[in-house]
Amino acid sequence: MEEKIIEAFKSKDWQEIKTNDSWMVFKIMSEFVEGFEKLGKIGPCVSIFGSARTKPDNKYYQLAAEIANKLTQKGYGIITGGGPGIMEAGNKGAKDGSGKSVGLVINLPFEQGGNQYIDKDKKIDFDFFFARKVMFEKYSQGYIVMPGGFGTMDELFASLTLIQTHKIGRFPIVLIGRDFWKGLTEWIENTLKLEFKTINPDDTKLFSLADTADEAVEIIDKFYAKYILSPNF
């Protein structure tokens, strides 16, 4: 068995795999370079996350667009994942408010490019989720987290972990829709914090809850009355 494993490592196919892995580094590097160059010039932005499945007649689609619009009136640009649903709503609200509308578009087989409301010079394409996630984490002055699925939860908990561990500077994270988030926030409070003590007592203060656009914007405004707007790391 050991000889077969050694022969496999020496095979032509394995050498080609190693070569492809090495060249992948340059593709990853190019995504970071393009992201840093474009986003570094845009200025303060708030990212809006949520389900790609949310339709325009849904109240959360309309609320996401309203929040984005109101944030642009405060001088913020809007960053989304560039896809449909809540992402589209965020870009639409930014566009309607004559604000900067950024789309960090991940290449997926079931989503075709970015939505129509992204500024043409602010659309950035990614093949790697982790490179895209770094851009959100570095250049967002706040997260507006609408109801969503696994991807939304991934972005939420990744940011909470980085703030909790002081790997990035703290920024406001606003969960929109108390009815949607109630089960999760109660589980964090009662199970993680109180029963199993797997988080610090103050960790539940790393996010806020809101139901309206005005509430969400006020939370971000109040936060930056005390802190300076700057990249998070």
C-alpha atoms as a PDB file:
ATOM      1  CA  MET A   1       0.000   0.000   0.000  1.00  0.00           C
ATOM      2  CA  GLU A   2       2.799   2.417   0.907  1.00  0.00           C
ATOM      3  CA  GLU A   3       4.521   1.840  -2.450  1.00  0.00           C
ATOM      4  CA  LYS A   4       1.279   2.582  -4.316  1.00  0.00           C
ATOM      5  CA  ILE A   5       0.871   5.872  -2.447  1.00  0.00           C
ATOM      6  CA  ILE A   6       4.453   6.894  -3.286  1.00  0.00           C
ATOM      7  CA  GLU A   7       3.913   6.047  -6.965  1.00  0.00           C
ATOM      8  CA  ALA A   8       0.699   8.104  -6.990  1.00  0.00           C
ATOM      9  CA  PHE A   9       2.578  11.139  -5.684  1.00  0.00           C
ATOM     10  CA  LYS A  10       5.181  10.710  -8.438  1.00  0.00           C
ATOM     11  CA  SER A  11       2.623  10.321 -11.206  1.00  0.00           C
ATOM     12  CA  LYS A  12       2.121  12.841 -13.997  1.00  0.00           C
ATOM     13  CA  ASP A  13      -1.451  13.533 -12.880  1.00  0.00           C
ATOM     14  CA  TRP A  14      -0.309  14.479  -9.376  1.00  0.00           C
ATOM     15  CA  GLN A  15       2.397  16.755 -10.753  1.00  0.00           C
ATOM     16  CA  GLU A  16      -0.218  18.530 -12.879  1.00  0.00           C
ATOM     17  CA  ILE A  17      -2.454  18.992  -9.838  1.00  0.00           C
ATOM     18  CA  LYS A  18       0.429  20.540  -7.890  1.00  0.00           C
ATOM     19  CA  THR A  19       1.208  22.845 -10.825  1.00  0.00           C
ATOM     20  CA  ASN A  20      -2.424  23.954 -11.082  1.00  0.00           C
ATOM     21  CA  ASP A  21      -2.500  24.656  -7.353  1.00  0.00           C
ATOM     22  CA  SER A  22       0.579  26.855  -7.670  1.00  0.00           C
ATOM     23  CA  TRP A  23      -0.893  28.862 -10.548  1.00  0.00           C
ATOM     24  CA  MET A  24      -4.102  29.326  -8.536  1.00  0.00           C
ATOM     25  CA  VAL A  25      -2.143  31.616  -6.229  1.00  0.00           C
ATOM     26  CA  PHE A  26      -1.935  34.209  -9.019  1.00  0.00           C
ATOM     27  CA  LYS A  27      -5.695  34.087  -9.621  1.00  0.00           C
ATOM     28  CA  ILE A  28      -6.320  34.573  -5.898  1.00  0.00           C
ATOM     29  CA  MET A  29      -3.814  37.418  -5.811  1.00  0.00           C
ATOM     30  CA  SER A  30      -5.497  39.147  -8.753  1.00  0.00           C
ATOM     31  CA  GLU A  31      -8.855  39.106  -6.936  1.00  0.00           C
ATOM     32  CA  PHE A  32      -7.310  40.726  -3.869  1.00  0.00           C
ATOM     33  CA  VAL A  33      -5.470  43.347  -5.928  1.00  0.00           C
ATOM     34  CA  GLU A  34      -8.554  44.359  -7.932  1.00  0.00           C
ATOM     35  CA  GLY A  35     -10.710  44.462  -4.811  1.00  0.00           C
ATOM     36  CA  PHE A  36      -8.262  46.555  -2.793  1.00  0.00           C
ATOM     37  CA  GLU A  37      -7.657  48.989  -5.661  1.00  0.00           C
ATOM     38  CA  LYS A  38     -11.322  49.606  -6.448  1.00  0.00           C
ATOM     39  CA  LEU A  39     -12.789  49.590  -2.955  1.00  0.00           C
ATOM     40  CA  GLY A  40      -9.982  51.672  -1.479  1.00  0.00           C
ATOM     41  CA  LYS A  41     -11.106  54.590  -3.664  1.00  0.00           C
ATOM     42  CA  ILE A  42     -14.845  54.452  -2.987  1.00  0.00           C
ATOM     43  CA  GLY A  43     -15.056  55.796   0.561  1.00  0.00           C
ATOM     44  CA  PRO A  44     -17.310  54.831   3.488  1.00  0.00           C
ATOM     45  CA  CYS A  45     -19.745  52.036   2.654  1.00  0.00           C
ATOM     46  CA  VAL A  46     -22.320  49.865   4.384  1.00  0.00           C
ATOM     47  CA  SER A  47     -22.866  46.283   3.240  1.00  0.00           C
ATOM     48  CA  ILE A  48     -26.335  44.794   2.939  1.00  0.00           C
ATOM     49  CA  PHE A  49     -26.767  41.015   3.149  1.00  0.00           C
ATOM     50  CA  GLY A  50     -29.813  38.803   2.726  1.00  0.00           C
ATOM     51  CA  SER A  51     -31.475  36.109   0.703  1.00  0.00           C
ATOM     52  CA  ALA A  52     -31.091  35.993  -3.067  1.00  0.00           C
ATOM     53  CA  ARG A  53     -34.558  34.383  -3.143  1.00  0.00           C
ATOM     54  CA  THR A  54     -36.410  37.445  -1.820  1.00  0.00           C
ATOM     55  CA  LYS A  55     -38.836  38.839  -4.429  1.00  0.00           C
ATOM     56  CA  PRO A  56     -39.501  42.545  -5.141  1.00  0.00           C
ATOM     57  CA  ASP A  57     -42.990  42.352  -3.608  1.00  0.00           C
ATOM     58  CA  ASN A  58     -41.576  41.072  -0.298  1.00  0.00           C
ATOM     59  CA  LYS A  59     -41.531  43.563   2.578  1.00  0.00           C
ATOM     60  CA  TYR A  60     -37.874  42.857   3.279  1.00  0.00           C
ATOM     61  CA  TYR A  61     -36.886  43.608  -0.324  1.00  0.00           C
ATOM     62  CA  GLN A  62     -38.624  46.951  -0.034  1.00  0.00           C
ATOM     63  CA  LEU A  63     -37.125  47.597   3.405  1.00  0.00           C
ATOM     64  CA  ALA A  64     -33.608  46.803   2.163  1.00  0.00           C
ATOM     65  CA  ALA A  65     -34.064  49.304  -0.682  1.00  0.00           C
ATOM     66  CA  GLU A  66     -35.336  51.934   1.773  1.00  0.00           C
ATOM     67  CA  ILE A  67     -32.414  51.400   4.159  1.00  0.00           C
ATOM     68  CA  ALA A  68     -29.921  51.653   1.308  1.00  0.00           C
ATOM     69  CA  ASN A  69     -31.535  54.846   0.047  1.00  0.00           C
ATOM     70  CA  LYS A  70     -31.472  56.466   3.494  1.00  0.00           C
ATOM     71  CA  LEU A  71     -27.845  55.455   4.028  1.00  0.00           C
ATOM     72  CA  THR A  72     -26.823  57.116   0.777  1.00  0.00           C
ATOM     73  CA  GLN A  73     -28.407  60.332   2.068  1.00  0.00           C
ATOM     74  CA  LYS A  74     -25.977  60.087   4.990  1.00  0.00           C
ATOM     75  CA  GLY A  75     -23.043  59.826   2.590  1.00  0.00           C
ATOM     76  CA  TYR A  76     -22.496  56.063   2.607  1.00  0.00           C
ATOM     77  CA  GLY A  77     -22.054  53.913  -0.452  1.00  0.00           C
ATOM     78  CA  ILE A  78     -23.760  50.507  -0.516  1.00  0.00           C
ATOM     79  CA  ILE A  79     -21.968  47.189  -1.029  1.00  0.00           C
ATOM     80  CA  THR A  80     -23.844  43.975  -1.758  1.00  0.00           C
ATOM     81  CA  GLY A  81     -23.032  40.571  -3.161  1.00  0.00           C
ATOM     82  CA  GLY A  82     -24.351  41.869  -6.466  1.00  0.00           C
ATOM     83  CA  GLY A  83     -26.925  39.160  -7.037  1.00  0.00           C
ATOM     84  CA  PRO A  84     -30.737  39.099  -7.010  1.00  0.00           C
ATOM     85  CA  GLY A  85     -33.121  39.376  -4.056  1.00  0.00           C
ATOM     86  CA  ILE A  86     -31.989  41.466  -1.091  1.00  0.00           C
ATOM     87  CA  MET A  87     -28.709  42.220  -2.864  1.00  0.00           C
ATOM     88  CA  GLU A  88     -30.575  43.698  -5.811  1.00  0.00           C
ATOM     89  CA  ALA A  89     -32.754  45.699  -3.420  1.00  0.00           C
ATOM     90  CA  GLY A  90     -29.696  47.182  -1.734  1.00  0.00           C
ATOM     91  CA  ASN A  91     -28.163  48.239  -5.034  1.00  0.00           C
ATOM     92  CA  LYS A  92     -31.500  49.599  -6.239  1.00  0.00           C
ATOM     93  CA  GLY A  93     -31.884  51.713  -3.103  1.00  0.00           C
ATOM     94  CA  ALA A  94     -28.379  53.080  -3.558  1.00  0.00           C
ATOM     95  CA  LYS A  95     -29.033  53.880  -7.210  1.00  0.00           C
ATOM     96  CA  ASP A  96     -32.368  55.559  -6.414  1.00  0.00           C
ATOM     97  CA  GLY A  97     -30.600  57.645  -3.789  1.00  0.00           C
ATOM     98  CA  SER A  98     -27.875  58.657  -6.270  1.00  0.00           C
ATOM     99  CA  GLY A  99     -25.312  56.932  -4.056  1.00  0.00           C
ATOM    100  CA  LYS A 100     -22.425  54.618  -4.836  1.00  0.00           C
ATOM    101  CA  SER A 101     -23.651  51.129  -5.675  1.00  0.00           C
ATOM    102  CA  VAL A 102     -21.050  48.354  -5.392  1.00  0.00           C
ATOM    103  CA  GLY A 103     -21.483  44.687  -6.316  1.00  0.00           C
ATOM    104  CA  LEU A 104     -19.031  41.989  -5.248  1.00  0.00           C
ATOM    105  CA  VAL A 105     -20.267  39.287  -7.576  1.00  0.00           C
ATOM    106  CA  ILE A 106     -19.405  35.645  -6.951  1.00  0.00           C
ATOM    107  CA  ASN A 107     -19.417  33.424 -10.040  1.00  0.00           C
ATOM    108  CA  LEU A 108     -22.069  30.755  -9.469  1.00  0.00           C
ATOM    109  CA  PRO A 109     -23.692  28.351 -11.944  1.00  0.00           C
ATOM    110  CA  PHE A 110     -27.232  29.374 -10.878  1.00  0.00           C
ATOM    111  CA  GLU A 111     -26.727  33.159 -10.845  1.00  0.00           C
ATOM    112  CA  GLN A 112     -25.972  35.075 -14.024  1.00  0.00           C
ATOM    113  CA  GLY A 113     -23.660  38.023 -13.432  1.00  0.00           C
ATOM    114  CA  GLY A 114     -24.613  41.032 -11.345  1.00  0.00           C
ATOM    115  CA  ASN A 115     -27.902  42.847 -11.000  1.00  0.00           C
ATOM    116  CA  GLN A 116     -28.756  45.900 -13.119  1.00  0.00           C
ATOM    117  CA  TYR A 117     -28.390  48.451 -10.307  1.00  0.00           C
ATOM    118  CA  ILE A 118     -24.641  48.090  -9.745  1.00  0.00           C
ATOM    119  CA  ASP A 119     -22.502  51.004 -10.953  1.00  0.00           C
ATOM    120  CA  LYS A 120     -20.625  49.774 -14.005  1.00  0.00           C
ATOM    121  CA  ASP A 121     -17.249  50.810 -12.598  1.00  0.00           C
ATOM    122  CA  LYS A 122     -17.990  49.245  -9.196  1.00  0.00           C
ATOM    123  CA  LYS A 123     -18.719  45.651 -10.167  1.00  0.00           C
ATOM    124  CA  ILE A 124     -16.008  43.232  -9.068  1.00  0.00           C
ATOM    125  CA  ASP A 125     -16.130  39.542  -9.994  1.00  0.00           C
ATOM    126  CA  PHE A 126     -14.857  36.771  -7.734  1.00  0.00           C
ATOM    127  CA  ASP A 127     -14.301  33.041  -8.082  1.00  0.00           C
ATOM    128  CA  PHE A 128     -13.290  32.621  -4.442  1.00  0.00           C
ATOM    129  CA  PHE A 129     -15.711  33.232  -1.593  1.00  0.00           C
ATOM    130  CA  PHE A 130     -12.902  33.878   0.885  1.00  0.00           C
ATOM    131  CA  ALA A 131     -11.370  36.676  -1.211  1.00  0.00           C
ATOM    132  CA  ARG A 132     -14.785  38.289  -1.598  1.00  0.00           C
ATOM    133  CA  LYS A 133     -15.452  37.989   2.126  1.00  0.00           C
ATOM    134  CA  VAL A 134     -12.241  39.859   2.933  1.00  0.00           C
ATOM    135  CA  MET A 135     -13.474  42.806   0.850  1.00  0.00           C
ATOM    136  CA  PHE A 136     -16.717  43.000   2.819  1.00  0.00           C
ATOM    137  CA  GLU A 137     -14.860  42.783   6.107  1.00  0.00           C
ATOM    138  CA  LYS A 138     -12.207  45.349   5.250  1.00  0.00           C
ATOM    139  CA  TYR A 139     -14.256  48.061   3.559  1.00  0.00           C
ATOM    140  CA  SER A 140     -17.658  47.951   5.289  1.00  0.00           C
ATOM    141  CA  GLN A 141     -18.370  50.580   7.919  1.00  0.00           C
ATOM    142  CA  GLY A 142     -21.456  48.621   8.884  1.00  0.00           C
ATOM    143  CA  TYR A 143     -23.432  45.475   8.116  1.00  0.00           C
ATOM    144  CA  ILE A 144     -27.166  45.501   7.515  1.00  0.00           C
ATOM    145  CA  VAL A 145     -28.209  41.848   7.772  1.00  0.00           C
ATOM    146  CA  MET A 146     -31.637  41.093   6.355  1.00  0.00           C
ATOM    147  CA  PRO A 147     -33.372  37.691   6.551  1.00  0.00           C
ATOM    148  CA  GLY A 148     -31.315  35.170   4.611  1.00  0.00           C
ATOM    149  CA  GLY A 149     -29.946  31.675   4.404  1.00  0.00           C
ATOM    150  CA  PHE A 150     -26.597  29.943   4.852  1.00  0.00           C
ATOM    151  CA  GLY A 151     -24.603  32.597   2.983  1.00  0.00           C
ATOM    152  CA  THR A 152     -26.069  35.384   5.103  1.00  0.00           C
ATOM    153  CA  MET A 153     -25.313  33.463   8.296  1.00  0.00           C
ATOM    154  CA  ASP A 154     -21.781  32.828   7.079  1.00  0.00           C
ATOM    155  CA  GLU A 155     -21.123  36.543   6.599  1.00  0.00           C
ATOM    156  CA  LEU A 156     -22.726  37.391   9.941  1.00  0.00           C
ATOM    157  CA  PHE A 157     -20.823  34.915  12.081  1.00  0.00           C
ATOM    158  CA  ALA A 158     -17.521  35.445  10.276  1.00  0.00           C
ATOM    159  CA  SER A 159     -17.675  39.145  11.096  1.00  0.00           C
ATOM    160  CA  LEU A 160     -18.718  38.513  14.708  1.00  0.00           C
ATOM    161  CA  THR A 161     -15.798  36.111  15.139  1.00  0.00           C
ATOM    162  CA  LEU A 162     -13.259  38.583  13.745  1.00  0.00           C
ATOM    163  CA  ILE A 163     -14.555  41.404  15.929  1.00  0.00           C
ATOM    164  CA  GLN A 164     -14.738  39.149  18.993  1.00  0.00           C
ATOM    165  CA  THR A 165     -11.115  38.075  18.521  1.00  0.00           C
ATOM    166  CA  HIS A 166      -9.928  41.634  17.734  1.00  0.00           C
ATOM    167  CA  LYS A 167      -8.720  40.668  14.274  1.00  0.00           C
ATOM    168  CA  ILE A 168     -10.658  43.573  12.783  1.00  0.00           C
ATOM    169  CA  GLY A 169     -11.941  46.844  14.184  1.00  0.00           C
ATOM    170  CA  ARG A 170     -15.453  46.856  15.564  1.00  0.00           C
ATOM    171  CA  PHE A 171     -18.245  48.147  13.326  1.00  0.00           C
ATOM    172  CA  PRO A 172     -22.040  48.148  13.741  1.00  0.00           C
ATOM    173  CA  ILE A 173     -23.906  44.991  12.755  1.00  0.00           C
ATOM    174  CA  VAL A 174     -27.659  45.472  12.505  1.00  0.00           C
ATOM    175  CA  LEU A 175     -30.028  42.503  12.197  1.00  0.00           C
ATOM    176  CA  ILE A 176     -33.233  43.604  10.473  1.00  0.00           C
ATOM    177  CA  GLY A 177     -36.515  41.955  11.427  1.00  0.00           C
ATOM    178  CA  ARG A 178     -36.916  40.984  15.070  1.00  0.00           C
ATOM    179  CA  ASP A 179     -39.443  38.279  14.166  1.00  0.00           C
ATOM    180  CA  PHE A 180     -36.944  36.588  11.848  1.00  0.00           C
ATOM    181  CA  TRP A 181     -33.957  36.820  14.210  1.00  0.00           C
ATOM    182  CA  LYS A 182     -35.785  36.109  17.476  1.00  0.00           C
ATOM    183  CA  GLY A 183     -35.058  32.379  17.579  1.00  0.00           C
ATOM    184  CA  LEU A 184     -31.356  32.808  16.805  1.00  0.00           C
ATOM    185  CA  THR A 185     -30.755  35.702  19.204  1.00  0.00           C
ATOM    186  CA  GLU A 186     -32.572  33.899  22.036  1.00  0.00           C
ATOM    187  CA  TRP A 187     -30.436  30.804  21.400  1.00  0.00           C
ATOM    188  CA  ILE A 188     -27.257  32.913  21.488  1.00  0.00           C
ATOM    189  CA  GLU A 189     -28.381  34.581  24.732  1.00  0.00           C
ATOM    190  CA  ASN A 190     -29.768  31.552  26.560  1.00  0.00           C
ATOM    191  CA  THR A 191     -27.704  28.649  25.247  1.00  0.00           C
ATOM    192  CA  LEU A 192     -24.317  30.073  24.226  1.00  0.00           C
ATOM    193  CA  LYS A 193     -24.074  32.828  26.828  1.00  0.00           C
ATOM    194  CA  LEU A 194     -25.976  31.601  29.894  1.00  0.00           C
ATOM    195  CA  GLU A 195     -26.239  27.807  29.774  1.00  0.00           C
ATOM    196  CA  PHE A 196     -23.012  26.644  28.110  1.00  0.00           C
ATOM    197  CA  LYS A 197     -20.965  29.854  28.575  1.00  0.00           C
ATOM    198  CA  THR A 198     -19.247  29.431  25.198  1.00  0.00           C
ATOM    199  CA  ILE A 199     -19.171  33.187  24.565  1.00  0.00           C
ATOM    200  CA  ASN A 200     -18.334  36.162  26.760  1.00  0.00           C
ATOM    201  CA  PRO A 201     -21.248  38.045  28.354  1.00  0.00           C
ATOM    202  CA  ASP A 202     -20.503  41.172  26.307  1.00  0.00           C
ATOM    203  CA  ASP A 203     -20.435  39.309  22.984  1.00  0.00           C
ATOM    204  CA  THR A 204     -24.196  39.729  22.621  1.00  0.00           C
ATOM    205  CA  LYS A 205     -23.565  43.487  22.396  1.00  0.00           C
ATOM    206  CA  LEU A 206     -21.687  43.040  19.097  1.00  0.00           C
ATOM    207  CA  PHE A 207     -24.943  43.203  17.138  1.00  0.00           C
ATOM    208  CA  SER A 208     -28.180  45.203  17.290  1.00  0.00           C
ATOM    209  CA  LEU A 209     -31.762  44.543  16.243  1.00  0.00           C
ATOM    210  CA  ALA A 210     -34.011  46.845  14.230  1.00  0.00           C
ATOM    211  CA  ASP A 211     -37.326  46.720  12.393  1.00  0.00           C
ATOM    212  CA  THR A 212     -37.318  49.968  10.423  1.00  0.00           C
ATOM    213  CA  ALA A 213     -35.012  51.848   8.104  1.00  0.00           C
ATOM    214  CA  ASP A 214     -34.802  54.792  10.498  1.00  0.00           C
ATOM    215  CA  GLU A 215     -33.777  52.509  13.378  1.00  0.00           C
ATOM    216  CA  ALA A 216     -31.043  50.906  11.293  1.00  0.00           C
ATOM    217  CA  VAL A 217     -29.595  54.200  10.061  1.00  0.00           C
ATOM    218  CA  GLU A 218     -29.702  55.675  13.563  1.00  0.00           C
ATOM    219  CA  ILE A 219     -27.697  52.757  14.973  1.00  0.00           C
ATOM    220  CA  ILE A 220     -24.954  53.306  12.396  1.00  0.00           C
ATOM    221  CA  ASP A 221     -25.009  57.091  12.880  1.00  0.00           C
ATOM    222  CA  LYS A 222     -24.718  56.792  16.666  1.00  0.00           C
ATOM    223  CA  PHE A 223     -21.826  54.354  16.380  1.00  0.00           C
ATOM    224  CA  TYR A 224     -19.780  56.734  14.232  1.00  0.00           C
ATOM    225  CA  ALA A 225     -20.456  59.630  16.553  1.00  0.00           C
ATOM    226  CA  LYS A 226     -17.825  57.885  18.724  1.00  0.00           C
ATOM    227  CA  TYR A 227     -15.569  56.216  16.137  1.00  0.00           C
ATOM    228  CA  ILE A 228     -13.640  57.318  13.066  1.00  0.00           C
ATOM    229  CA  LEU A 229     -14.627  56.028   9.647  1.00  0.00           C
ATOM    230  CA  SER A 230     -11.763  53.931   8.313  1.00  0.00           C
ATOM    231  CA  PRO A 231     -11.027  50.472   6.869  1.00  0.00           C
ATOM    232  CA  ASN A 232     -11.398  47.764   9.495  1.00  0.00           C
ATOM    233  CA  PHE A 233      -7.859  46.382   9.277  1.00  0.00           C
END
